[in-house]
Protein backbone atom coordinates (compact mmCIF):
# COMPACT_ATOMS: atom_id res chain seq x y z
CA MET A 1 77.64 87.64 115.26
CA HIS A 2 76.12 90.19 112.87
CA VAL A 3 78.66 92.60 111.41
CA LEU A 4 78.31 95.75 109.29
CA VAL A 5 81.17 96.62 106.93
CA THR A 6 81.08 99.98 105.17
CA GLY A 7 83.16 100.31 102.03
CA CYS A 8 82.60 96.59 101.49
CA ALA A 9 83.45 96.72 97.77
CA GLY A 10 86.84 98.32 98.30
CA PHE A 11 90.31 96.84 98.71
CA ILE A 12 90.35 96.31 102.48
CA GLY A 13 86.57 96.14 102.93
CA SER A 14 86.04 93.26 100.52
CA SER A 15 88.98 91.34 101.98
CA LEU A 16 87.56 91.84 105.48
CA CYS A 17 84.08 90.67 104.41
CA GLU A 18 85.54 87.49 102.98
CA ARG A 19 87.39 86.76 106.22
CA LEU A 20 84.34 87.48 108.40
CA LEU A 21 82.12 85.20 106.33
CA ALA A 22 84.75 82.44 106.46
CA ASP A 23 84.75 82.80 110.25
CA GLY A 24 80.99 82.22 110.38
CA HIS A 25 79.63 85.74 110.88
CA ALA A 26 76.64 87.30 109.16
CA VAL A 27 77.74 90.38 107.22
CA THR A 28 75.86 93.38 105.90
CA GLY A 29 78.00 95.26 103.40
CA VAL A 30 77.42 98.89 102.45
CA ASP A 31 78.98 100.72 99.51
CA CYS A 32 77.95 103.62 97.26
CA PHE A 33 80.52 103.02 94.50
CA THR A 34 82.10 106.48 94.54
CA PRO A 35 83.75 107.20 91.16
CA TYR A 36 87.31 107.39 92.54
CA TYR A 37 87.98 104.31 90.41
CA GLY A 38 85.81 102.14 88.19
CA ARG A 39 82.76 100.34 89.51
CA PRO A 40 83.58 97.14 87.56
CA ILE A 41 86.71 96.72 89.71
CA LYS A 42 84.65 97.02 92.89
CA GLU A 43 82.03 94.65 91.52
CA GLY A 44 84.87 92.22 90.88
CA ASN A 45 85.91 92.54 94.52
CA LEU A 46 82.38 91.68 95.62
CA ALA A 47 82.01 88.74 93.25
CA ALA A 48 83.76 86.23 95.49
CA PHE A 49 81.12 86.49 98.21
CA ARG A 50 78.15 88.52 96.95
CA THR A 51 75.91 85.43 96.71
CA HIS A 52 77.01 84.03 100.08
CA PRO A 53 73.92 83.12 102.14
CA ARG A 54 75.14 85.12 105.16
CA PHE A 55 75.99 88.26 103.14
CA THR A 56 73.56 91.12 102.51
CA PHE A 57 74.55 93.99 100.23
CA ARG A 58 73.08 97.47 100.47
CA GLU A 59 74.02 100.18 97.99
CA LEU A 60 73.83 103.26 100.21
CA ASP A 61 75.48 106.65 100.39
CA LEU A 62 76.32 107.11 104.07
CA SER A 63 76.36 110.87 103.63
CA ALA A 64 72.76 111.10 102.40
CA ASP A 65 70.68 107.90 102.53
CA PRO A 66 68.61 106.53 105.45
CA LEU A 67 70.79 104.18 107.50
CA ALA A 68 68.53 102.82 110.24
CA ASP A 69 67.65 99.54 108.50
CA ALA A 70 71.27 98.80 107.55
CA VAL A 71 72.65 99.34 111.06
CA ALA A 72 69.75 97.75 112.98
CA PRO A 73 71.11 94.19 113.23
CA ALA A 74 74.79 95.16 113.65
CA GLU A 75 76.66 94.04 116.75
CA VAL A 76 80.02 95.19 115.35
CA VAL A 77 80.56 97.96 112.80
CA PHE A 78 83.73 98.22 110.72
CA HIS A 79 83.63 101.69 109.16
CA LEU A 80 86.06 101.46 106.26
CA ALA A 81 84.19 103.62 103.74
CA ALA A 82 86.05 106.80 102.78
CA TYR A 83 87.13 108.86 99.79
CA PRO A 84 90.86 108.10 99.48
CA GLY A 85 93.90 109.77 98.00
CA LEU A 86 95.95 112.88 98.67
CA MET A 87 96.03 114.85 95.45
CA LYS A 88 92.33 115.26 94.69
CA SER A 89 91.68 116.39 98.25
CA TRP A 90 93.50 119.65 97.47
CA THR A 91 91.03 120.54 94.71
CA ASP A 92 87.72 119.04 95.89
CA PHE A 93 87.59 119.36 99.65
CA ASP A 94 83.79 119.31 99.73
CA LEU A 95 83.83 115.80 98.27
CA TYR A 96 86.23 114.57 100.96
CA SER A 97 84.33 116.35 103.69
CA ARG A 98 81.12 114.70 102.54
CA HIS A 99 82.36 111.12 102.26
CA ASN A 100 84.90 111.12 105.11
CA LEU A 101 83.33 113.42 107.68
CA THR A 102 79.60 113.84 107.04
CA ALA A 103 79.28 110.11 106.32
CA THR A 104 81.06 109.22 109.58
CA HIS A 105 78.90 111.63 111.57
CA ARG A 106 75.68 110.21 110.11
CA LEU A 107 76.78 106.64 110.76
CA LEU A 108 77.65 107.44 114.38
CA GLU A 109 74.26 109.11 114.75
CA ALA A 110 72.59 106.01 113.36
CA VAL A 111 74.25 103.64 115.83
CA LYS A 112 74.20 105.73 119.01
CA GLY A 113 71.95 104.38 121.72
CA ARG A 114 71.79 100.87 120.27
CA ALA A 115 72.20 98.48 123.15
CA THR A 116 73.19 95.60 120.85
CA LEU A 117 76.26 97.42 119.47
CA LYS A 118 79.44 95.99 120.95
CA LYS A 119 82.09 97.78 118.87
CA PHE A 120 82.49 100.51 116.25
CA VAL A 121 85.85 100.30 114.49
CA TYR A 122 86.87 103.44 112.61
CA ALA A 123 89.51 102.92 109.91
CA SER A 124 91.89 105.86 109.93
CA THR A 125 95.29 106.37 108.33
CA SER A 126 98.94 107.16 109.00
CA SER A 127 98.24 110.40 107.10
CA VAL A 128 96.91 111.89 110.35
CA TYR A 129 100.55 112.11 111.50
CA GLY A 130 101.69 114.09 108.46
CA LYS A 131 104.95 113.80 106.51
CA TYR A 132 106.85 111.96 109.25
CA ALA A 133 104.71 109.12 110.55
CA SER A 134 107.25 107.00 112.40
CA GLY A 135 106.59 105.95 115.98
CA ASP A 136 103.85 104.83 118.30
CA GLU A 137 100.42 106.30 119.00
CA SER A 138 101.89 109.11 121.13
CA LEU A 139 103.31 110.73 117.97
CA PRO A 140 101.61 114.13 117.54
CA THR A 141 98.97 114.29 114.83
CA ARG A 142 99.88 116.84 112.16
CA ALA A 143 97.92 115.95 109.02
CA GLY A 144 99.68 117.20 105.89
CA SER A 145 96.79 117.09 103.41
CA PRO A 146 93.07 117.86 103.35
CA TYR A 147 92.48 114.11 103.09
CA GLY A 148 94.42 113.56 106.31
CA VAL A 149 92.51 116.38 107.98
CA THR A 150 89.14 114.74 107.19
CA LYS A 151 90.32 111.38 108.53
CA LEU A 152 91.65 112.97 111.72
CA ALA A 153 88.35 114.80 112.15
CA GLY A 154 86.59 111.45 111.83
CA GLU A 155 88.73 110.12 114.67
CA GLN A 156 87.67 113.05 116.81
CA LEU A 157 84.01 112.42 116.02
CA ALA A 158 84.46 108.81 117.12
CA ARG A 159 85.95 110.01 120.41
CA VAL A 160 83.11 112.48 120.98
CA TYR A 161 80.46 109.81 120.41
CA LEU A 162 82.28 107.51 122.83
CA ASP A 163 82.45 110.20 125.51
CA GLU A 164 78.95 111.61 125.10
CA PHE A 165 76.86 108.66 123.90
CA ALA A 166 78.93 105.60 124.91
CA VAL A 167 79.35 104.43 121.30
CA PRO A 168 82.12 101.81 121.79
CA THR A 169 84.60 103.21 119.27
CA VAL A 170 88.08 101.95 118.40
CA VAL A 171 90.42 103.68 115.94
CA LEU A 172 92.87 101.87 113.65
CA ARG A 173 95.50 103.90 111.79
CA TYR A 174 96.45 101.93 108.67
CA PHE A 175 99.98 102.19 107.26
CA SER A 176 100.65 101.50 103.54
CA VAL A 177 98.44 98.47 102.92
CA TYR A 178 99.19 96.44 99.78
CA GLY A 179 98.41 93.07 98.25
CA PRO A 180 95.71 91.50 96.02
CA ARG A 181 92.81 93.90 95.27
CA GLN A 182 94.91 96.98 95.98
CA ARG A 183 93.32 100.06 94.42
CA PRO A 184 94.55 100.78 90.88
CA ASP A 185 95.75 104.28 91.85
CA MET A 186 98.01 103.05 94.65
CA GLY A 187 101.76 103.00 94.24
CA TYR A 188 102.56 99.28 94.23
CA HIS A 189 99.65 98.54 91.89
CA LEU A 190 100.92 101.20 89.49
CA PHE A 191 104.51 99.93 89.72
CA ILE A 192 103.58 96.31 89.06
CA ARG A 193 101.25 97.18 86.20
CA SER A 194 103.90 99.35 84.56
CA VAL A 195 106.66 96.76 84.91
CA LEU A 196 104.48 93.96 83.53
CA ALA A 197 103.38 96.13 80.60
CA GLY A 198 106.81 97.64 79.92
CA THR A 199 105.52 101.19 80.38
CA PRO A 200 107.17 103.95 82.45
CA ILE A 201 106.63 104.04 86.20
CA PRO A 202 105.63 107.55 87.32
CA LEU A 203 107.93 107.99 90.34
CA THR A 204 107.18 111.08 92.41
CA GLY A 205 110.05 112.55 94.39
CA ASP A 206 113.48 110.96 94.78
CA GLY A 207 112.23 107.44 95.54
CA LEU A 208 113.87 107.47 98.96
CA GLN A 209 110.59 107.83 100.82
CA VAL A 210 110.42 105.14 103.51
CA ARG A 211 107.36 102.95 103.91
CA GLY A 212 106.37 100.41 106.53
CA ASN A 213 104.40 98.00 104.34
CA THR A 214 101.31 96.16 105.62
CA TYR A 215 100.15 93.08 103.74
CA ILE A 216 96.38 92.88 103.31
CA GLY A 217 96.08 89.55 105.12
CA ASP A 218 97.88 90.97 108.17
CA CYS A 219 95.71 94.10 108.01
CA VAL A 220 92.49 92.06 107.95
CA GLU A 221 93.66 89.88 110.84
CA ALA A 222 94.37 92.91 113.04
CA THR A 223 91.14 94.64 112.01
CA GLN A 224 88.90 91.74 112.93
CA ARG A 225 90.76 91.27 116.22
CA ALA A 226 90.12 94.91 117.06
CA GLY A 227 86.42 94.49 116.29
CA PHE A 228 86.01 91.55 118.63
CA GLY A 229 88.70 92.12 121.25
CA ALA A 230 89.79 95.74 121.68
CA MET A 231 88.54 97.93 124.51
CA PRO A 232 86.48 100.97 123.47
CA GLY A 233 88.44 104.21 123.36
CA GLU A 234 91.69 102.72 122.14
CA VAL A 235 93.71 104.01 119.17
CA PHE A 236 96.11 101.63 117.42
CA ASN A 237 98.75 101.93 114.74
CA LEU A 238 98.36 99.06 112.27
CA GLY A 239 101.43 98.52 110.12
CA GLY A 240 103.85 95.95 108.80
CA GLY A 241 107.24 95.39 110.28
CA GLU A 242 109.44 95.56 107.16
CA LEU A 243 110.66 99.03 106.16
CA THR A 244 111.88 99.86 102.68
CA THR A 245 112.26 102.76 100.29
CA ILE A 246 110.06 103.23 97.25
CA ILE A 247 112.99 102.70 94.90
CA ASP A 248 113.81 99.43 96.66
CA VAL A 249 110.23 98.24 96.12
CA ILE A 250 110.67 98.87 92.39
CA ARG A 251 113.90 96.86 92.40
CA ARG A 252 112.14 94.00 94.19
CA ILE A 253 109.33 94.02 91.62
CA GLU A 254 111.97 93.82 88.87
CA ARG A 255 113.53 90.80 90.54
CA LEU A 256 110.21 89.06 91.21
CA THR A 257 108.87 89.60 87.69
CA GLY A 258 112.14 89.16 85.79
CA LYS A 259 111.43 92.42 83.99
CA THR A 260 113.20 95.78 83.93
CA ALA A 261 111.43 98.89 85.18
CA VAL A 262 111.44 102.13 83.21
CA VAL A 263 111.31 104.97 85.72
CA GLU A 264 109.91 108.36 84.80
CA ARG A 265 110.69 110.99 87.42
CA LYS A 266 107.86 113.25 88.61
CA PRO A 267 107.85 116.20 91.04
CA ASP A 268 107.03 115.71 94.71
CA ARG A 269 103.33 115.56 95.56
CA LYS A 270 101.94 118.05 98.04
CA GLY A 271 101.32 116.35 101.35
CA ASP A 272 103.15 113.15 100.45
CA GLN A 273 104.70 111.35 103.38
CA VAL A 274 108.49 111.22 103.68
CA ALA A 275 108.59 108.31 106.11
CA THR A 276 106.04 105.95 107.65
CA ALA A 277 106.95 103.30 110.18
CA ALA A 278 104.31 102.02 112.58
CA ASP A 279 105.33 101.00 116.08
CA VAL A 280 102.70 98.30 116.73
CA THR A 281 103.79 97.40 120.27
CA LYS A 282 100.42 98.51 121.63
CA LEU A 283 98.48 96.35 119.17
CA TYR A 284 100.59 93.34 120.13
CA ARG A 285 100.20 94.06 123.84
CA HIS A 286 96.40 94.40 123.66
CA LEU A 287 95.46 91.89 120.95
CA GLY A 288 98.48 89.64 120.45
CA TRP A 289 98.83 90.74 116.82
CA LYS A 290 101.99 91.19 114.84
CA PRO A 291 102.63 91.16 111.07
CA THR A 292 103.68 87.81 109.62
CA THR A 293 103.99 88.42 105.86
CA GLY A 294 107.32 89.59 104.46
CA LEU A 295 107.47 92.12 101.64
CA ASP A 296 108.74 89.69 98.99
CA GLU A 297 106.00 87.21 99.85
CA GLY A 298 103.34 89.90 99.74
CA LEU A 299 104.57 91.41 96.48
CA THR A 300 104.68 87.94 94.92
CA ALA A 301 101.00 87.47 95.80
CA GLN A 302 100.06 90.89 94.42
CA ILE A 303 102.01 90.32 91.19
CA ALA A 304 100.25 86.97 90.70
CA TRP A 305 96.85 88.59 91.28
CA GLN A 306 97.55 91.45 88.86
CA ARG A 307 98.73 89.00 86.22
CA GLU A 308 95.62 86.87 86.67
CA THR A 309 93.14 89.77 86.66
CA LYS A 310 95.11 91.81 84.11
CA GLN A 311 94.95 94.80 86.39
């Protein structure tokens, strides 16, 4: 099958491309290398499969460039491209609106009416629920940041294009994904890097925020199942089964590295989530998926990757 992955040079996108190629699919990857973090890191993500004979890379800005040629062969689209992060979305909403909303609208426009398209998977986030994101898909959406607002708006666009143009959309709401290739601005990456280097960990809030952690391998497994097996119109929470507090994660990293963390307290961040815990009963019922990687196992893999890559 021919698959299009947007955001193919990112954390989840590159991991998904690798899995799809290993499974025998032809993959077109799209990325515009937004400057949220350094291009060399994203190029490193691509390196493992960029020369694969069934992989085609296109450097395109979904919010501005022509898309017809890139989407033409696609039977399944995984739309993972987005501008991430809470804090910057408070000060540069136009940037988030462009890459998270305009880009999604233009991509949906490009694929509508294509008889060969079997599925359009939109990667959303637990941030659409707001500060308290614990429960199943019936939990009311109450985005607590401009970033969350743009991702929720993208979900609504996907629904509109399903209803009006029969674009076969599926929405996945990711919860706290971690593991090898995690973005350098994300919490666990920062914690591990600081502990390994002996520098202070910038801990926002009291550290008692609860997270339902999703290992990247589990995330990729569920994502590809949704692309090939989910019914159009469905919305799924995608999260790990092991809950922990942020401070407990730091203690685990200490134990797994044999090093002591130096914690530097920082004020709460606007829009930060107090608790996230995905009820994934629906995902299991529809696609037979459930998380299989425990937090210690996943952190061990991420620590090994950060040591190897010196990230």
